[in-house]
Amino acid sequence: MDTKEFEVTCPCCSARLSVDVRTQTVLRARPKEEVDIAGKPKLGEKDWDQALGRVKTRSDEAPSRLDDLLQKERDKRSRLDDLFKSANDKLKGPDEKA
């Protein structure tokens, strides 16, 4: 299936629902009053404010996420060395360790 979500109209309240195909969950729901004739959601000031808030939150969190990922990359070599050493010790067995 090419689409990851589809839209359907609720038979009870005529709300417009966006459903995720894979998880079979409702992603968004718009009451009938908030949908135009074509079935598209009417955008208002509240919608733009929410979108702006999400973008600002992502922008604020970006530097700390980048620092975390950089530190993880710096520690990768020592973690891989430890894993290699423990795998090598398991391979040698208790008699050959020294």
C-alpha atoms as a PDB file:
ATOM      1  CA  MET A   1       0.000   0.000   0.000  1.00  0.00           C
ATOM      2  CA  ASP A   2       1.438   3.365  -1.034  1.00  0.00           C
ATOM      3  CA  THR A   3      -0.444   5.624   1.356  1.00  0.00           C
ATOM      4  CA  LYS A   4       0.381   5.623   5.038  1.00  0.00           C
ATOM      5  CA  GLU A   5      -2.852   7.275   6.087  1.00  0.00           C
ATOM      6  CA  PHE A   6      -6.295   7.909   4.711  1.00  0.00           C
ATOM      7  CA  GLU A   7      -9.185  10.173   5.572  1.00  0.00           C
ATOM      8  CA  VAL A   8     -12.718   9.051   6.313  1.00  0.00           C
ATOM      9  CA  THR A   9     -15.925  10.726   7.475  1.00  0.00           C
ATOM     10  CA  CYS A  10     -17.409   9.474  10.743  1.00  0.00           C
ATOM     11  CA  PRO A  11     -20.922   8.130  10.113  1.00  0.00           C
ATOM     12  CA  CYS A  12     -22.140   9.299  13.548  1.00  0.00           C
ATOM     13  CA  CYS A  13     -20.954  12.895  13.847  1.00  0.00           C
ATOM     14  CA  SER A  14     -19.691  13.631  10.291  1.00  0.00           C
ATOM     15  CA  ALA A  15     -16.246  14.529  11.636  1.00  0.00           C
ATOM     16  CA  ARG A  16     -13.270  14.122   9.308  1.00  0.00           C
ATOM     17  CA  LEU A  17     -10.808  11.471  10.618  1.00  0.00           C
ATOM     18  CA  SER A  18      -7.233  10.789   9.483  1.00  0.00           C
ATOM     19  CA  VAL A  19      -6.353   7.130  10.106  1.00  0.00           C
ATOM     20  CA  ASP A  20      -2.875   5.555  10.072  1.00  0.00           C
ATOM     21  CA  VAL A  21      -2.908   2.435   7.891  1.00  0.00           C
ATOM     22  CA  ARG A  22      -0.205   0.521   9.741  1.00  0.00           C
ATOM     23  CA  THR A  23      -1.270   1.139  13.348  1.00  0.00           C
ATOM     24  CA  GLN A  24      -4.987   1.516  12.569  1.00  0.00           C
ATOM     25  CA  THR A  25      -5.257   4.509  14.895  1.00  0.00           C
ATOM     26  CA  VAL A  26      -6.885   7.884  14.424  1.00  0.00           C
ATOM     27  CA  LEU A  27      -4.194  10.536  13.939  1.00  0.00           C
ATOM     28  CA  ARG A  28      -6.403  13.611  13.646  1.00  0.00           C
ATOM     29  CA  ALA A  29     -10.076  14.362  13.997  1.00  0.00           C
ATOM     30  CA  ARG A  30     -11.821  17.515  12.813  1.00  0.00           C
ATOM     31  CA  PRO A  31     -15.436  18.256  13.739  1.00  0.00           C
ATOM     32  CA  LYS A  32     -17.745  18.889  10.798  1.00  0.00           C
ATOM     33  CA  GLU A  33     -17.789  22.621  11.593  1.00  0.00           C
ATOM     34  CA  GLU A  34     -14.008  22.841  11.114  1.00  0.00           C
ATOM     35  CA  VAL A  35     -14.014  21.254   7.631  1.00  0.00           C
ATOM     36  CA  ASP A  36     -14.729  23.101   4.382  1.00  0.00           C
ATOM     37  CA  ILE A  37     -16.809  21.827   1.459  1.00  0.00           C
ATOM     38  CA  ALA A  38     -13.855  19.953  -0.070  1.00  0.00           C
ATOM     39  CA  GLY A  39     -13.278  18.086   3.202  1.00  0.00           C
ATOM     40  CA  LYS A  40     -10.078  19.942   4.022  1.00  0.00           C
ATOM     41  CA  PRO A  41      -9.593  21.383   7.508  1.00  0.00           C
ATOM     42  CA  LYS A  42     -10.215  25.077   7.992  1.00  0.00           C
ATOM     43  CA  LEU A  43      -7.094  26.673   9.420  1.00  0.00           C
ATOM     44  CA  GLY A  44      -7.401  29.351  12.037  1.00  0.00           C
ATOM     45  CA  GLU A  45      -5.181  31.384  14.328  1.00  0.00           C
ATOM     46  CA  LYS A  46      -5.096  28.545  16.871  1.00  0.00           C
ATOM     47  CA  ASP A  47      -3.674  26.109  14.298  1.00  0.00           C
ATOM     48  CA  TRP A  48      -0.892  28.482  13.299  1.00  0.00           C
ATOM     49  CA  ASP A  49      -0.030  29.164  16.944  1.00  0.00           C
ATOM     50  CA  GLN A  50       0.229  25.435  17.654  1.00  0.00           C
ATOM     51  CA  ALA A  51       2.447  24.877  14.622  1.00  0.00           C
ATOM     52  CA  LEU A  52       4.670  27.787  15.599  1.00  0.00           C
ATOM     53  CA  GLY A  53       4.956  26.398  19.133  1.00  0.00           C
ATOM     54  CA  ARG A  54       6.025  22.967  17.808  1.00  0.00           C
ATOM     55  CA  VAL A  55       8.657  24.528  15.552  1.00  0.00           C
ATOM     56  CA  LYS A  56       9.992  26.687  18.394  1.00  0.00           C
ATOM     57  CA  THR A  57      10.182  23.691  20.734  1.00  0.00           C
ATOM     58  CA  ARG A  58      12.117  21.702  18.134  1.00  0.00           C
ATOM     59  CA  SER A  59      14.469  24.618  17.551  1.00  0.00           C
ATOM     60  CA  ASP A  60      15.094  25.014  21.283  1.00  0.00           C
ATOM     61  CA  GLU A  61      15.804  21.303  21.770  1.00  0.00           C
ATOM     62  CA  ALA A  62      18.115  20.952  18.749  1.00  0.00           C
ATOM     63  CA  PRO A  63      21.411  22.053  20.385  1.00  0.00           C
ATOM     64  CA  SER A  64      21.044  19.706  23.358  1.00  0.00           C
ATOM     65  CA  ARG A  65      20.100  16.800  21.081  1.00  0.00           C
ATOM     66  CA  LEU A  66      23.117  17.519  18.900  1.00  0.00           C
ATOM     67  CA  ASP A  67      25.406  17.578  21.956  1.00  0.00           C
ATOM     68  CA  ASP A  68      23.984  14.251  23.146  1.00  0.00           C
ATOM     69  CA  LEU A  69      24.549  12.632  19.763  1.00  0.00           C
ATOM     70  CA  LEU A  70      28.075  14.008  19.493  1.00  0.00           C
ATOM     71  CA  GLN A  71      28.949  12.654  22.946  1.00  0.00           C
ATOM     72  CA  LYS A  72      27.527   9.273  21.976  1.00  0.00           C
ATOM     73  CA  GLU A  73      29.738   9.221  18.884  1.00  0.00           C
ATOM     74  CA  ARG A  74      32.792  10.154  20.977  1.00  0.00           C
ATOM     75  CA  ASP A  75      32.070   7.252  23.341  1.00  0.00           C
ATOM     76  CA  LYS A  76      31.439   4.763  20.549  1.00  0.00           C
ATOM     77  CA  ARG A  77      35.083   3.716  20.161  1.00  0.00           C
ATOM     78  CA  SER A  78      35.505   2.764  23.823  1.00  0.00           C
ATOM     79  CA  ARG A  79      32.170   0.917  23.859  1.00  0.00           C
ATOM     80  CA  LEU A  80      33.136  -1.074  20.773  1.00  0.00           C
ATOM     81  CA  ASP A  81      36.565  -1.841  22.254  1.00  0.00           C
ATOM     82  CA  ASP A  82      34.893  -3.156  25.415  1.00  0.00           C
ATOM     83  CA  LEU A  83      32.506  -5.302  23.396  1.00  0.00           C
ATOM     84  CA  PHE A  84      35.360  -6.704  21.321  1.00  0.00           C
ATOM     85  CA  LYS A  85      37.401  -7.490  24.442  1.00  0.00           C
ATOM     86  CA  SER A  86      34.492  -9.295  26.124  1.00  0.00           C
ATOM     87  CA  ALA A  87      33.715 -11.293  22.956  1.00  0.00           C
ATOM     88  CA  ASN A  88      37.385 -12.186  22.624  1.00  0.00           C
ATOM     89  CA  ASP A  89      37.484 -13.308  26.268  1.00  0.00           C
ATOM     90  CA  LYS A  90      34.430 -15.521  25.730  1.00  0.00           C
ATOM     91  CA  LEU A  91      36.074 -17.050  22.679  1.00  0.00           C
ATOM     92  CA  LYS A  92      39.326 -17.838  24.506  1.00  0.00           C
ATOM     93  CA  GLY A  93      37.616 -19.500  27.459  1.00  0.00           C
ATOM     94  CA  PRO A  94      38.683 -19.477  31.134  1.00  0.00           C
ATOM     95  CA  ASP A  95      41.972 -21.402  30.565  1.00  0.00           C
ATOM     96  CA  GLU A  96      43.562 -19.034  28.056  1.00  0.00           C
ATOM     97  CA  LYS A  97      42.839 -15.693  29.786  1.00  0.00           C
ATOM     98  CA  ALA A  98      45.983 -13.893  30.835  1.00  0.00           C
END
